[in-house]
Every structure is written in C-alpha cells, then in structure tokens.
C-alpha atoms as a PDB file:
ATOM      1  CA  UNK A   1     -73.812  90.183  30.964  1.00  0.00           C
ATOM      2  CA  UNK A   2     -75.472  92.697  33.402  1.00  0.00           C
ATOM      3  CA  UNK A   3     -75.390  95.777  30.864  1.00  0.00           C
ATOM      4  CA  UNK A   4     -76.854  93.423  28.300  1.00  0.00           C
ATOM      5  CA  UNK A   5     -79.731  92.737  30.700  1.00  0.00           C
ATOM      6  CA  UNK A   6     -80.064  96.074  31.825  1.00  0.00           C
ATOM      7  CA  UNK A   7     -80.553  97.487  28.782  1.00  0.00           C
ATOM      8  CA  UNK A   8     -82.912  95.243  27.653  1.00  0.00           C
ATOM      9  CA  UNK A   9     -84.922  95.469  30.842  1.00  0.00           C
ATOM     10  CA  UNK A  10     -84.899  99.538  30.813  1.00  0.00           C
ATOM     11  CA  UNK A  11     -86.303  99.378  27.143  1.00  0.00           C
ATOM     12  CA  UNK A  12     -89.184  96.774  27.992  1.00  0.00           C
ATOM     13  CA  UNK A  13     -89.327  99.523  30.873  1.00  0.00           C
ATOM     14  CA  UNK A  14     -89.631 102.771  28.204  1.00  0.00           C
ATOM     15  CA  UNK A  15     -91.929 101.243  25.960  1.00  0.00           C
ATOM     16  CA  UNK A  16     -94.107  99.673  28.622  1.00  0.00           C
ATOM     17  CA  UNK A  17     -94.620 103.237  29.947  1.00  0.00           C
ATOM     18  CA  UNK A  18     -95.522 104.691  26.048  1.00  0.00           C
ATOM     19  CA  UNK A  19     -97.989 102.373  25.491  1.00  0.00           C
ATOM     20  CA  UNK A  20     -99.395 103.348  28.625  1.00  0.00           C
ATOM     21  CA  UNK A  21     -99.407 106.410  28.569  1.00  0.00           C
ATOM     22  CA  UNK A  22    -100.508 106.542  24.419  1.00  0.00           C
ATOM     23  CA  UNK A  23    -103.623 105.558  26.520  1.00  0.00           C
ATOM     24  CA  UNK A  24    -106.772 108.077  26.932  1.00  0.00           C
ATOM     25  CA  UNK A  25    -110.197 108.071  27.414  1.00  0.00           C
ATOM     26  CA  UNK A  26    -112.885 107.908  25.025  1.00  0.00           C
ATOM     27  CA  UNK A  27    -113.770 111.843  24.026  1.00  0.00           C
ATOM     28  CA  UNK A  28    -117.454 112.456  23.970  1.00  0.00           C
ATOM     29  CA  UNK A  29    -117.069 113.041  20.106  1.00  0.00           C
ATOM     30  CA  UNK A  30    -115.404 109.044  19.899  1.00  0.00           C
ATOM     31  CA  UNK A  31    -118.056 107.830  22.342  1.00  0.00           C
ATOM     32  CA  UNK A  32    -120.889 109.856  20.201  1.00  0.00           C
ATOM     33  CA  UNK A  33    -120.042 107.915  16.870  1.00  0.00           C
ATOM     34  CA  UNK A  34    -120.098 104.442  18.494  1.00  0.00           C
ATOM     35  CA  UNK A  35    -123.654 104.822  19.116  1.00  0.00           C
ATOM     36  CA  UNK A  36    -124.195 106.121  15.916  1.00  0.00           C
ATOM     37  CA  UNK A  37    -122.697 103.200  14.602  1.00  0.00           C
ATOM     38  CA  UNK A  38    -124.633 101.004  16.632  1.00  0.00           C
ATOM     39  CA  UNK A  39    -127.835 103.185  16.227  1.00  0.00           C
ATOM     40  CA  UNK A  40    -127.392 102.586  12.469  1.00  0.00           C
ATOM     41  CA  UNK A  41    -126.227  98.956  12.480  1.00  0.00           C
ATOM     42  CA  UNK A  42    -129.730  98.120  14.213  1.00  0.00           C
ATOM     43  CA  UNK A  43    -132.062 100.135  11.744  1.00  0.00           C
ATOM     44  CA  UNK A  44    -130.459  97.992   8.888  1.00  0.00           C
ATOM     45  CA  UNK A  45    -131.096  94.988  10.859  1.00  0.00           C
ATOM     46  CA  UNK A  46    -134.691  96.198  11.062  1.00  0.00           C
ATOM     47  CA  UNK A  47    -134.835  97.020   7.733  1.00  0.00           C
ATOM     48  CA  UNK A  48    -133.692  94.087   6.780  1.00  0.00           C
ATOM     49  CA  UNK A  49    -136.502  92.141   9.069  1.00  0.00           C
ATOM     50  CA  UNK A  50    -139.443  93.869   7.573  1.00  0.00           C
ATOM     51  CA  UNK A  51    -137.530  93.331   3.274  1.00  0.00           C
ATOM     52  CA  UNK A  52    -137.851  89.270   4.750  1.00  0.00           C
ATOM     53  CA  UNK A  53    -141.400  90.006   5.879  1.00  0.00           C
ATOM     54  CA  UNK A  54    -142.589  91.547   2.625  1.00  0.00           C
ATOM     55  CA  UNK A  55    -140.919  88.785   0.425  1.00  0.00           C
ATOM     56  CA  UNK A  56    -142.854  86.285   2.992  1.00  0.00           C
ATOM     57  CA  UNK A  57    -146.001  87.838   2.635  1.00  0.00           C
ATOM     58  CA  UNK A  58    -145.685  88.453  -1.415  1.00  0.00           C
ATOM     59  CA  UNK A  59    -144.844  84.643  -1.377  1.00  0.00           C
ATOM     60  CA  UNK A  60    -147.802  83.747   0.319  1.00  0.00           C
ATOM     61  CA  UNK A  61    -150.098  85.615  -1.696  1.00  0.00           C
ATOM     62  CA  UNK A  62    -149.186  84.020  -4.150  1.00  0.00           C
ATOM     63  CA  UNK A  63    -150.125  80.786  -2.918  1.00  0.00           C
END
C-alpha cells in the first residue's frame, strides 16, 4: 500500500514540475501581438460609436 501512495505522489510531483517548466514569460512578439489586438478592438469600438452617431444624425435630420 505504501508503494502505491509513493507512486501517486511521484507522478503528481512530476506533473507539477512539468507544468511549471512549460510556463514561459511572454516574448516581445506575443506582447506586440496583444497590443495590436487591443488597438484593433479600440478602433472597432470607435467606428461603431461613429456609426451610431451618424445614424442618430440622419434620424434627427428626417424629423
């Protein structure tokens, strides 16, 4: 019974170590990509706001 518990503990420790080893810091390309994504999202939001403002202006002009 002790051997089974020891085996499970060793396997758990091995998976934990492997998981921690797989974690890496973000590289410059990944950081730049995230910034591009954020900028694109902000631009899309601004375009949507602009479209809504144009639509409101057109609706007001019809009145």
